[in-house]
Amino acid sequence: MTRRLLALSALSGLLLAASFPNLGYSFLAWFALVPLLFALRDQTVRTALWISGSFGLVFFCCTVYWVTNSVHFYGHVPLLPASLITLLLCVILALFIAPFGGALAHIKATHPRLLFLAAPALWVTLEYARTHLFSGFPWALLGYSQYRSLPVIQIADLFGVYGISFLIMLVNIGIAEVLADRKRYLPLLAAVVVTAVVVGYGYYRLNEPESAGSIRIAVVQGNIEQDKKWDPSYQGEVIATYKRLTLKALEQRPDLVVWPETATPFYFGGSGDNEKWTGDLRQFVRTMNTPLLFGSATYEVKPGRVIDLRNSAFLLGRDGATGAVYHKMHLVPYGEYIPMKKVLFFVEKLVQAIGDFQTGTEHTVMKVRQPGGSAVGVSTVICYEIIFPDLVRRFVNNGATVMTTITNDAWFGRTGAPYQHFSMAVLRAVENHVPIARAANTGVSGFIDAKGRILETTGIFTEAYLTRTLTPSTKKTFYTSYGDVFAWLCVLGSFLAVLPLPRSRR
């Protein structure tokens, strides 16, 4: 691979990374992949694999660099090994991009007329694979770059975030084709027409009237330092912080108060000192006479003194009683559990912060009763569960009309990760036409309406509380009802496109 090819692939990686937060120049995504596509022209399959893999490595190094912060400061791994762990992750993620170039080179040689549609279908196929294989890590999918482009992202209620990724790649390859040969203007023209239809659909959706009904929610951001969170000497201070902010939020008369992931510095419902703190929290909820949704670590002792840890969310009613419990279903690998623990036994010794949590099994819908009103179906996802489209869809399909997400983004530090994490919640709102309330320990906390409008947000690493009236959803979208049909069609199309020609047609 020549320096020119490497430079083109690296340029695409840098441009595409700049379209995501923190920089967030979303317009770059519409042509960021053109240098990559130029580099892939007339290459062998082997060279094309290296080119797209190099692009992927640059792109992920510039978007998930924050992993070093998490592993170094909270996993207590020295900076150099932490950086090498991040690099290894970027290499693994780049392996999901590498097949794009190889398959594209193969299609160019066997089915050149299919290239225009095959390229975006291939891209979506690989994003879908990255979402589901090996626990999944769908961070920085191409479609997320447009989270502020409201008319563009409304098609997510039909095709999910993958439909936006498809569109962006379609435009990129249209530009690349016309720049390579001015006579090949039809792909770009087709891409422009499709984009116009998408934007038209977006404006139609944005101008639709809101549904009836409302619920007023307050989110509380405690900004608790990670090293104090589980220090017993700071338990009283942590709870006092959340109580103080909550009492201020109650002045705006919310129907529900939401605290972040593991907001309680104790095991809610546990024995010993945990029992005292649990009773104190129940009494506080009775005093404020407002339901409270919060995150807490929990445990269950089984026969043989086996302890099952869980990352959970509780809804306490106005009387302080537990109304519903949700146990996190999609745990963070190498953060909350170790995959293939018998083989990777050494990982737990390297990273001290790794837990050993058990997964939940139910898409819980919590009923929040308003004074003199009907119950509203509210569900919550914990931390990075919000980045999985199908997981959130299942809660809404199960009856949730308002989604909340609780998280502790202190792990990310002052990087672009908190903003990247928040941006993905926007697409979950649009896909399912449900409003989302987000409570984060250190930010970003805020509210998103059912059409993806960011209504209000907090800064990071600051104490804050916000209150907003949201409109629950009343009907399910196509995506909510049928899921990733479009992504599966792309998988099927990609498979057919890479099939070799029959001998009679060679």
Protein backbone atom coordinates (compact mmCIF):
# COMPACT_ATOMS: atom_id res chain seq x y z
CA MET A 1 0.00 0.00 0.00
CA THR A 2 1.51 3.32 -1.12
CA ARG A 3 1.80 6.47 0.96
CA ARG A 4 -0.81 8.14 -1.24
CA LEU A 5 -3.37 5.42 -0.50
CA LEU A 6 -2.56 5.56 3.20
CA ALA A 7 -2.91 9.35 3.20
CA LEU A 8 -6.31 9.18 1.48
CA SER A 9 -7.63 6.59 3.92
CA ALA A 10 -6.29 8.58 6.90
CA LEU A 11 -7.85 11.79 5.54
CA SER A 12 -11.25 10.09 5.39
CA GLY A 13 -10.81 8.83 8.95
CA LEU A 14 -9.98 12.31 10.24
CA LEU A 15 -12.80 14.03 8.35
CA LEU A 16 -15.39 11.50 9.50
CA ALA A 17 -14.20 11.66 13.12
CA ALA A 18 -14.57 15.46 13.01
CA SER A 19 -18.26 15.05 12.13
CA PHE A 20 -18.91 13.52 15.58
CA PRO A 21 -18.83 15.29 18.96
CA ASN A 22 -16.81 16.95 20.40
CA LEU A 23 -16.09 18.78 17.13
CA GLY A 24 -19.44 17.85 15.65
CA TYR A 25 -19.06 19.24 12.12
CA SER A 26 -21.86 17.01 10.83
CA PHE A 27 -21.70 18.31 7.24
CA LEU A 28 -18.29 16.66 6.82
CA ALA A 29 -19.85 13.19 6.91
CA TRP A 30 -21.54 13.80 3.54
CA PHE A 31 -18.18 13.81 1.72
CA ALA A 32 -15.71 12.50 4.32
CA LEU A 33 -15.64 9.04 2.73
CA VAL A 34 -14.84 10.28 -0.78
CA PRO A 35 -11.03 10.07 -0.30
CA LEU A 36 -11.45 6.49 0.95
CA LEU A 37 -13.56 5.58 -2.06
CA PHE A 38 -10.96 7.11 -4.36
CA ALA A 39 -8.23 5.09 -2.66
CA LEU A 40 -10.24 1.90 -3.20
CA ARG A 41 -10.66 2.41 -6.95
CA ASP A 42 -9.05 -0.29 -9.11
CA GLN A 43 -7.42 -2.05 -6.17
CA THR A 44 -7.04 -5.74 -5.53
CA VAL A 45 -9.15 -7.26 -2.78
CA ARG A 46 -6.10 -7.65 -0.53
CA THR A 47 -4.96 -4.04 -0.93
CA ALA A 48 -8.50 -2.77 -0.48
CA LEU A 49 -8.75 -4.63 2.83
CA TRP A 50 -5.65 -2.84 4.10
CA ILE A 51 -6.88 0.54 2.89
CA SER A 52 -10.27 0.35 4.59
CA GLY A 53 -8.71 -1.19 7.69
CA SER A 54 -6.29 1.75 7.91
CA PHE A 55 -9.19 4.15 7.56
CA GLY A 56 -11.04 2.35 10.35
CA LEU A 57 -8.03 2.48 12.65
CA VAL A 58 -7.63 6.25 12.23
CA PHE A 59 -11.35 6.85 12.63
CA PHE A 60 -11.72 4.83 15.81
CA CYS A 61 -8.52 6.19 17.35
CA CYS A 62 -10.08 9.65 16.97
CA THR A 63 -13.54 8.70 18.31
CA VAL A 64 -12.99 6.15 21.09
CA TYR A 65 -9.72 7.57 22.42
CA TRP A 66 -11.55 8.20 25.70
CA VAL A 67 -11.19 4.51 26.63
CA THR A 68 -7.64 5.33 27.76
CA ASN A 69 -9.06 7.78 30.31
CA SER A 70 -11.41 5.14 31.73
CA VAL A 71 -8.84 2.36 31.91
CA HIS A 72 -6.06 4.58 33.28
CA PHE A 73 -7.86 6.65 35.92
CA TYR A 74 -10.53 4.19 37.03
CA GLY A 75 -9.04 0.84 36.06
CA HIS A 76 -5.76 1.93 37.66
CA VAL A 77 -3.74 0.75 34.67
CA PRO A 78 -0.54 2.75 33.90
CA LEU A 79 -0.91 5.20 31.03
CA LEU A 80 1.17 3.28 28.46
CA PRO A 81 -0.61 -0.09 28.91
CA ALA A 82 -3.96 1.75 29.01
CA SER A 83 -3.13 3.40 25.68
CA LEU A 84 -2.15 0.02 24.23
CA ILE A 85 -5.48 -1.45 25.40
CA THR A 86 -7.29 1.38 23.61
CA LEU A 87 -5.22 0.80 20.49
CA LEU A 88 -6.10 -2.90 20.59
CA LEU A 89 -9.79 -2.01 20.82
CA CYS A 90 -9.42 0.34 17.83
CA VAL A 91 -7.74 -2.44 15.83
CA ILE A 92 -10.62 -4.81 16.64
CA LEU A 93 -13.18 -2.19 15.62
CA ALA A 94 -11.21 -1.49 12.42
CA LEU A 95 -11.59 -5.17 11.53
CA PHE A 96 -15.31 -4.47 11.12
CA ILE A 97 -14.45 -1.81 8.52
CA ALA A 98 -11.75 -3.71 6.61
CA PRO A 99 -14.20 -6.05 4.77
CA PHE A 100 -15.89 -2.99 3.26
CA GLY A 101 -12.92 -2.29 0.97
CA GLY A 102 -12.31 -5.92 0.08
CA ALA A 103 -15.96 -6.57 -0.76
CA LEU A 104 -16.17 -3.33 -2.74
CA ALA A 105 -13.13 -4.30 -4.83
CA HIS A 106 -14.69 -7.71 -5.49
CA ILE A 107 -18.03 -6.18 -6.52
CA LYS A 108 -16.28 -3.67 -8.80
CA ALA A 109 -14.68 -6.61 -10.62
CA THR A 110 -17.75 -8.85 -10.79
CA HIS A 111 -20.90 -6.67 -10.55
CA PRO A 112 -19.77 -3.09 -11.34
CA ARG A 113 -23.32 -1.89 -11.99
CA LEU A 114 -24.30 -2.80 -8.43
CA LEU A 115 -21.57 -0.69 -6.85
CA PHE A 116 -23.75 2.37 -6.22
CA LEU A 117 -26.24 0.47 -4.06
CA ALA A 118 -23.88 -2.23 -2.84
CA ALA A 119 -21.53 0.22 -1.08
CA PRO A 120 -24.15 1.64 1.34
CA ALA A 121 -25.65 -1.82 1.87
CA LEU A 122 -22.20 -3.18 2.75
CA TRP A 123 -21.57 -0.32 5.15
CA VAL A 124 -24.87 -0.95 6.96
CA THR A 125 -24.17 -4.68 7.08
CA LEU A 126 -20.86 -4.10 8.82
CA GLU A 127 -22.41 -1.58 11.25
CA TYR A 128 -25.11 -4.11 12.05
CA ALA A 129 -22.45 -6.78 12.65
CA ARG A 130 -20.58 -4.42 14.97
CA THR A 131 -23.82 -3.84 16.89
CA HIS A 132 -24.42 -7.51 17.61
CA LEU A 133 -21.24 -9.59 17.38
CA PHE A 134 -19.07 -10.25 20.44
CA SER A 135 -21.46 -8.42 22.79
CA GLY A 136 -21.62 -5.48 20.36
CA PHE A 137 -20.15 -1.99 20.39
CA PRO A 138 -22.17 0.24 18.02
CA TRP A 139 -20.36 3.44 18.99
CA ALA A 140 -19.98 6.15 16.34
CA LEU A 141 -22.23 4.60 13.69
CA LEU A 142 -22.25 6.81 10.62
CA GLY A 143 -25.87 7.92 11.12
CA TYR A 144 -25.16 9.36 14.59
CA SER A 145 -23.14 12.16 13.00
CA GLN A 146 -26.45 13.76 11.95
CA TYR A 147 -28.15 13.79 15.36
CA ARG A 148 -28.74 17.55 15.10
CA SER A 149 -30.00 17.41 11.49
CA LEU A 150 -33.66 16.93 12.39
CA PRO A 151 -35.17 16.69 8.86
CA VAL A 152 -32.60 14.05 7.90
CA ILE A 153 -32.94 11.77 10.91
CA GLN A 154 -36.74 11.42 10.86
CA ILE A 155 -36.42 8.39 8.55
CA ALA A 156 -35.07 6.55 11.58
CA ASP A 157 -38.69 5.83 12.53
CA LEU A 158 -38.76 3.60 9.44
CA PHE A 159 -35.22 2.28 9.01
CA GLY A 160 -33.47 3.00 12.31
CA VAL A 161 -30.11 4.73 12.49
CA TYR A 162 -28.94 2.35 9.74
CA GLY A 163 -31.14 4.13 7.20
CA ILE A 164 -29.26 7.37 7.83
CA SER A 165 -25.91 5.57 7.49
CA PHE A 166 -27.12 4.16 4.16
CA LEU A 167 -28.09 7.62 2.91
CA ILE A 168 -24.78 9.23 3.86
CA MET A 169 -22.77 6.51 2.11
CA LEU A 170 -25.07 6.81 -0.92
CA VAL A 171 -24.21 10.51 -1.23
CA ASN A 172 -20.50 9.85 -0.70
CA ILE A 173 -20.29 7.27 -3.44
CA GLY A 174 -22.35 9.48 -5.76
CA ILE A 175 -19.82 12.30 -5.28
CA ALA A 176 -16.88 9.92 -5.74
CA GLU A 177 -18.30 8.55 -9.00
CA VAL A 178 -18.89 11.93 -10.60
CA LEU A 179 -15.45 13.21 -9.55
CA ALA A 180 -13.83 10.14 -11.10
CA ASP A 181 -15.81 10.46 -14.34
CA ARG A 182 -18.04 13.43 -15.14
CA LYS A 183 -20.16 11.24 -17.40
CA ARG A 184 -21.16 9.19 -14.33
CA TYR A 185 -23.48 11.84 -12.91
CA LEU A 186 -26.51 9.57 -12.57
CA PRO A 187 -25.44 8.06 -9.20
CA LEU A 188 -25.04 11.53 -7.71
CA LEU A 189 -28.34 12.65 -9.21
CA ALA A 190 -30.06 9.63 -7.73
CA ALA A 191 -28.46 10.32 -4.35
CA VAL A 192 -29.67 13.93 -4.46
CA VAL A 193 -33.21 12.82 -5.30
CA VAL A 194 -33.25 10.28 -2.48
CA THR A 195 -31.90 12.89 -0.04
CA ALA A 196 -34.60 15.34 -1.14
CA VAL A 197 -37.29 12.71 -0.50
CA VAL A 198 -35.79 11.97 2.92
CA VAL A 199 -35.69 15.65 3.88
CA GLY A 200 -39.26 16.11 2.63
CA TYR A 201 -40.40 13.21 4.78
CA GLY A 202 -38.49 14.73 7.67
CA TYR A 203 -40.26 18.08 7.43
CA TYR A 204 -43.60 16.29 7.14
CA ARG A 205 -42.88 14.39 10.37
CA LEU A 206 -41.60 17.48 12.17
CA ASN A 207 -44.78 19.43 11.33
CA GLU A 208 -47.11 16.74 12.62
CA PRO A 209 -49.06 17.82 15.74
CA GLU A 210 -47.98 16.55 19.15
CA SER A 211 -49.91 13.77 20.88
CA ALA A 212 -52.22 14.50 23.79
CA GLY A 213 -51.16 14.06 27.40
CA SER A 214 -48.08 15.10 29.36
CA ILE A 215 -45.80 14.12 32.21
CA ARG A 216 -43.47 16.46 34.08
CA ILE A 217 -40.06 14.96 34.89
CA ALA A 218 -37.11 16.30 36.87
CA VAL A 219 -33.59 14.92 36.37
CA VAL A 220 -30.94 15.39 39.06
CA GLN A 221 -27.20 15.47 38.37
CA GLY A 222 -25.22 15.00 41.58
CA ASN A 223 -21.71 15.33 40.09
CA ILE A 224 -20.28 12.84 42.57
CA GLU A 225 -16.58 12.19 42.12
CA GLN A 226 -15.85 8.59 41.20
CA ASP A 227 -13.33 8.04 44.01
CA LYS A 228 -15.88 9.27 46.60
CA LYS A 229 -18.81 7.30 45.23
CA TRP A 230 -18.17 4.10 47.17
CA ASP A 231 -16.15 5.52 50.05
CA PRO A 232 -18.22 4.80 53.23
CA SER A 233 -17.06 8.05 54.80
CA TYR A 234 -18.80 10.01 52.04
CA GLN A 235 -22.15 8.13 52.04
CA GLY A 236 -23.97 10.79 54.01
CA GLU A 237 -22.55 13.59 51.85
CA VAL A 238 -23.58 11.85 48.60
CA ILE A 239 -27.17 11.27 49.74
CA ALA A 240 -27.38 14.82 51.14
CA THR A 241 -26.33 16.20 47.73
CA TYR A 242 -29.09 14.34 45.93
CA LYS A 243 -31.68 15.29 48.53
CA ARG A 244 -30.70 18.98 48.38
CA LEU A 245 -30.93 19.11 44.57
CA THR A 246 -34.17 17.13 44.58
CA LEU A 247 -35.85 19.51 47.02
CA LYS A 248 -35.00 22.39 44.70
CA ALA A 249 -36.38 20.46 41.71
CA LEU A 250 -39.62 19.77 43.63
CA GLU A 251 -40.39 23.48 43.57
CA GLN A 252 -41.35 22.97 39.92
CA ARG A 253 -43.79 20.18 40.86
CA PRO A 254 -42.60 17.25 38.75
CA ASP A 255 -44.60 14.02 38.44
CA LEU A 256 -41.38 12.00 38.59
CA VAL A 257 -37.82 12.62 39.79
CA VAL A 258 -34.95 10.70 38.16
CA TRP A 259 -31.52 10.14 39.72
CA PRO A 260 -28.57 8.67 37.75
CA GLU A 261 -27.11 5.18 37.54
CA THR A 262 -25.91 3.83 40.93
CA ALA A 263 -26.85 7.14 42.52
CA THR A 264 -27.12 5.49 45.94
CA PRO A 265 -23.69 4.86 47.53
CA PHE A 266 -25.04 1.65 49.08
CA TYR A 267 -26.85 -1.54 48.06
CA PHE A 268 -30.53 -0.62 48.04
CA GLY A 269 -32.52 -3.31 49.86
CA GLY A 270 -29.37 -4.89 51.30
CA SER A 271 -28.73 -5.91 54.89
CA GLY A 272 -26.72 -4.24 57.65
CA ASP A 273 -25.97 -0.56 57.07
CA ASN A 274 -27.64 -0.86 53.65
CA GLU A 275 -30.95 -1.49 55.44
CA LYS A 276 -30.64 1.79 57.37
CA TRP A 277 -29.86 3.81 54.23
CA THR A 278 -32.69 2.07 52.34
CA GLY A 279 -35.21 3.02 55.03
CA ASP A 280 -33.94 6.60 55.05
CA LEU A 281 -34.43 6.91 51.28
CA ARG A 282 -37.96 5.49 51.46
CA GLN A 283 -38.82 8.03 54.16
CA PHE A 284 -37.43 10.87 52.04
CA VAL A 285 -39.65 9.82 49.11
CA ARG A 286 -42.70 9.74 51.40
CA THR A 287 -41.83 13.24 52.58
CA MET A 288 -41.46 14.66 49.09
CA ASN A 289 -44.66 12.85 47.94
CA THR A 290 -43.27 12.34 44.44
CA PRO A 291 -42.20 9.09 42.74
CA LEU A 292 -38.44 8.57 42.46
CA LEU A 293 -36.62 6.57 39.79
CA PHE A 294 -32.97 5.91 40.62
CA GLY A 295 -30.10 3.55 39.99
CA SER A 296 -28.51 1.33 42.61
CA ALA A 297 -26.24 -1.66 42.79
CA THR A 298 -28.08 -4.65 44.28
CA TYR A 299 -27.21 -8.15 45.36
CA GLU A 300 -28.97 -11.41 46.01
CA VAL A 301 -27.55 -14.12 48.25
CA LYS A 302 -28.21 -17.61 46.93
CA PRO A 303 -27.72 -21.01 48.59
CA GLY A 304 -24.05 -21.78 49.12
CA ARG A 305 -23.36 -18.09 49.83
CA VAL A 306 -23.23 -17.30 46.12
CA ILE A 307 -23.82 -13.57 45.64
CA ASP A 308 -25.41 -12.24 42.44
CA LEU A 309 -24.58 -8.57 41.84
CA ARG A 310 -26.80 -6.50 39.58
CA ASN A 311 -26.87 -2.99 38.21
CA SER A 312 -30.49 -2.02 38.87
CA ALA A 313 -33.07 0.75 38.67
CA PHE A 314 -35.89 1.20 41.18
CA LEU A 315 -39.15 3.12 41.04
CA LEU A 316 -40.42 4.17 44.47
CA GLY A 317 -44.01 5.36 44.66
CA ARG A 318 -45.23 8.35 46.64
CA ASP A 319 -45.57 6.11 49.69
CA GLY A 320 -41.92 5.05 49.45
CA ALA A 321 -42.80 1.50 48.46
CA THR A 322 -41.03 -0.21 45.55
CA GLY A 323 -43.26 0.05 42.49
CA ALA A 324 -40.97 -1.66 39.98
CA VAL A 325 -37.41 -2.88 39.55
CA TYR A 326 -35.31 -3.19 36.40
CA HIS A 327 -32.04 -5.12 36.22
CA LYS A 328 -29.60 -4.08 33.50
CA MET A 329 -29.69 -6.53 30.60
CA HIS A 330 -26.73 -5.53 28.43
CA LEU A 331 -23.67 -5.36 30.63
CA VAL A 332 -20.41 -3.64 29.71
CA PRO A 333 -17.76 -6.25 28.80
CA TYR A 334 -14.50 -5.81 30.75
CA GLY A 335 -16.33 -3.25 32.91
CA GLU A 336 -19.20 -5.14 34.53
CA TYR A 337 -18.17 -8.66 33.61
CA ILE A 338 -15.35 -10.53 31.87
CA PRO A 339 -16.29 -12.51 28.74
CA MET A 340 -14.58 -15.92 28.54
CA LYS A 341 -13.42 -15.48 32.13
CA LYS A 342 -11.64 -18.85 32.30
CA VAL A 343 -9.50 -17.95 29.29
CA LEU A 344 -8.98 -14.26 30.12
CA PHE A 345 -8.38 -14.81 33.83
CA PHE A 346 -5.57 -12.22 33.85
CA VAL A 347 -7.82 -9.29 32.81
CA GLU A 348 -9.44 -8.95 36.24
CA LYS A 349 -5.99 -8.58 37.81
CA LEU A 350 -5.04 -5.89 35.30
CA VAL A 351 -8.16 -3.73 35.67
CA GLN A 352 -9.25 -3.31 39.27
CA ALA A 353 -12.60 -1.67 38.48
CA ILE A 354 -14.11 -4.72 36.77
CA GLY A 355 -17.20 -6.09 38.50
CA ASP A 356 -18.92 -9.43 38.16
CA PHE A 357 -22.54 -8.52 37.54
CA GLN A 358 -25.43 -10.71 36.44
CA THR A 359 -27.78 -9.78 33.59
CA GLY A 360 -31.45 -8.99 33.91
CA THR A 361 -34.05 -10.68 31.75
CA GLU A 362 -37.14 -8.43 31.58
CA HIS A 363 -37.93 -5.30 29.56
CA THR A 364 -39.60 -3.69 32.55
CA VAL A 365 -42.28 -1.03 32.08
CA MET A 366 -42.88 1.04 35.21
CA LYS A 367 -46.23 2.71 35.83
CA VAL A 368 -45.95 6.29 37.06
CA ARG A 369 -49.27 7.55 38.38
CA GLN A 370 -49.94 11.28 38.15
CA PRO A 371 -52.16 13.06 40.70
CA GLY A 372 -55.70 12.78 39.37
CA GLY A 373 -54.44 11.35 36.09
CA SER A 374 -53.79 8.04 34.43
CA ALA A 375 -50.63 5.97 34.73
CA VAL A 376 -47.82 6.61 32.25
CA GLY A 377 -45.67 3.70 31.07
CA VAL A 378 -42.04 4.63 31.78
CA SER A 379 -38.99 2.45 31.13
CA THR A 380 -35.34 3.05 31.78
CA VAL A 381 -32.13 1.78 30.22
CA ILE A 382 -28.88 1.95 32.12
CA CYS A 383 -25.67 3.51 30.82
CA TYR A 384 -24.56 2.26 27.43
CA GLU A 385 -27.75 0.24 26.85
CA ILE A 386 -29.04 3.40 25.13
CA ILE A 387 -26.64 2.80 22.21
CA PHE A 388 -28.40 -0.44 21.22
CA PRO A 389 -31.36 0.35 18.94
CA ASP A 390 -33.14 -2.99 19.19
CA LEU A 391 -32.92 -3.09 22.98
CA VAL A 392 -34.64 0.27 23.43
CA ARG A 393 -37.20 -0.67 20.76
CA ARG A 394 -38.28 -3.68 22.80
CA PHE A 395 -39.13 -1.53 25.83
CA VAL A 396 -41.36 0.70 23.71
CA ASN A 397 -42.92 -2.31 22.01
CA ASN A 398 -43.64 -3.63 25.51
CA GLY A 399 -45.67 -0.53 26.42
CA ALA A 400 -43.27 2.25 27.42
CA THR A 401 -44.51 5.67 26.26
CA VAL A 402 -41.65 7.61 27.86
CA MET A 403 -38.03 6.43 28.04
CA THR A 404 -35.46 7.43 30.60
CA THR A 405 -31.77 6.64 30.59
CA ILE A 406 -29.63 6.79 33.70
CA THR A 407 -25.86 6.75 33.48
CA ASN A 408 -22.61 7.54 35.23
CA ASP A 409 -20.36 9.13 32.60
CA ALA A 410 -17.67 10.09 35.11
CA TRP A 411 -15.62 7.26 33.55
CA PHE A 412 -15.22 9.33 30.39
CA GLY A 413 -13.61 12.37 31.99
CA ARG A 414 -13.56 15.63 30.05
CA THR A 415 -13.47 13.97 26.64
CA GLY A 416 -15.94 13.92 23.78
CA ALA A 417 -17.50 10.68 25.05
CA PRO A 418 -20.28 12.23 27.22
CA TYR A 419 -21.49 14.20 24.20
CA GLN A 420 -21.20 11.20 21.87
CA HIS A 421 -23.15 9.13 24.40
CA PHE A 422 -25.90 11.74 24.63
CA SER A 423 -26.15 12.09 20.84
CA MET A 424 -27.11 8.44 20.45
CA ALA A 425 -30.16 8.94 22.69
CA VAL A 426 -31.50 11.38 20.07
CA LEU A 427 -31.79 8.57 17.52
CA ARG A 428 -33.54 6.29 20.04
CA ALA A 429 -36.17 9.01 20.51
CA VAL A 430 -36.76 9.38 16.76
CA GLU A 431 -36.75 5.65 16.01
CA ASN A 432 -39.58 5.04 18.48
CA HIS A 433 -41.22 8.48 18.67
CA VAL A 434 -40.81 8.57 22.43
CA PRO A 435 -39.44 11.42 24.55
CA ILE A 436 -36.33 10.67 26.58
CA ALA A 437 -35.20 12.03 29.94
CA ARG A 438 -31.52 11.48 30.71
CA ALA A 439 -30.00 11.66 34.18
CA ALA A 440 -26.20 11.43 34.31
CA ASN A 441 -24.02 11.64 37.41
CA THR A 442 -21.59 14.12 35.84
CA GLY A 443 -23.53 15.06 32.68
CA VAL A 444 -24.76 15.36 30.06
CA SER A 445 -28.28 15.28 31.56
CA GLY A 446 -31.27 16.58 29.66
CA PHE A 447 -34.45 16.05 27.68
CA ILE A 448 -35.18 15.01 24.09
CA ASP A 449 -38.65 15.09 22.57
CA ALA A 450 -40.17 12.37 20.40
CA LYS A 451 -38.91 14.01 17.20
CA GLY A 452 -35.31 14.25 18.35
CA ARG A 453 -35.30 17.89 19.43
CA ILE A 454 -32.85 18.49 22.27
CA LEU A 455 -35.00 20.50 24.65
CA GLU A 456 -32.52 21.23 27.42
CA THR A 457 -29.15 19.95 28.64
CA THR A 458 -26.70 20.44 31.49
CA GLY A 459 -22.96 20.94 31.34
CA ILE A 460 -20.59 18.22 32.46
CA PHE A 461 -18.98 17.96 35.89
CA THR A 462 -21.40 20.33 37.59
CA GLU A 463 -24.28 19.92 40.04
CA ALA A 464 -27.57 20.50 38.26
CA TYR A 465 -31.27 19.71 38.07
CA LEU A 466 -33.68 20.24 35.20
CA THR A 467 -37.45 19.92 34.95
CA ARG A 468 -39.40 19.54 31.73
CA THR A 469 -42.87 18.55 30.56
CA LEU A 470 -42.76 15.71 28.01
CA THR A 471 -45.47 14.28 25.78
CA PRO A 472 -45.78 10.48 25.96
CA SER A 473 -46.02 8.63 22.65
CA THR A 474 -49.40 7.30 21.54
CA LYS A 475 -48.60 5.05 18.59
CA LYS A 476 -45.75 2.80 17.56
CA THR A 477 -43.52 3.55 14.61
CA PHE A 478 -42.69 1.09 11.85
CA TYR A 479 -39.26 0.63 13.39
CA THR A 480 -40.72 -0.05 16.83
CA SER A 481 -43.08 -2.68 15.44
CA TYR A 482 -40.76 -4.44 13.00
CA GLY A 483 -37.23 -3.63 14.09
CA ASP A 484 -34.18 -3.90 11.86
CA VAL A 485 -35.90 -5.09 8.69
CA PHE A 486 -33.95 -2.57 6.62
CA ALA A 487 -30.63 -3.67 8.09
CA TRP A 488 -31.44 -7.30 7.30
CA LEU A 489 -32.31 -6.35 3.72
CA CYS A 490 -28.88 -4.71 3.48
CA VAL A 491 -27.29 -7.91 4.81
CA LEU A 492 -29.13 -9.94 2.20
CA GLY A 493 -28.26 -7.47 -0.58
CA SER A 494 -24.59 -7.50 0.43
CA PHE A 495 -24.51 -11.28 0.40
CA LEU A 496 -26.00 -11.42 -3.10
CA ALA A 497 -23.66 -8.68 -4.36
CA VAL A 498 -20.50 -10.54 -3.36
CA LEU A 499 -21.60 -13.83 -4.91
CA PRO A 500 -19.35 -14.80 -7.84
CA LEU A 501 -20.79 -14.70 -11.35
CA PRO A 502 -21.80 -18.02 -12.92
CA ARG A 503 -19.21 -19.31 -15.42
CA SER A 504 -21.60 -18.75 -18.32
CA ARG A 505 -21.66 -14.99 -17.58
CA ARG A 506 -17.93 -14.48 -16.95
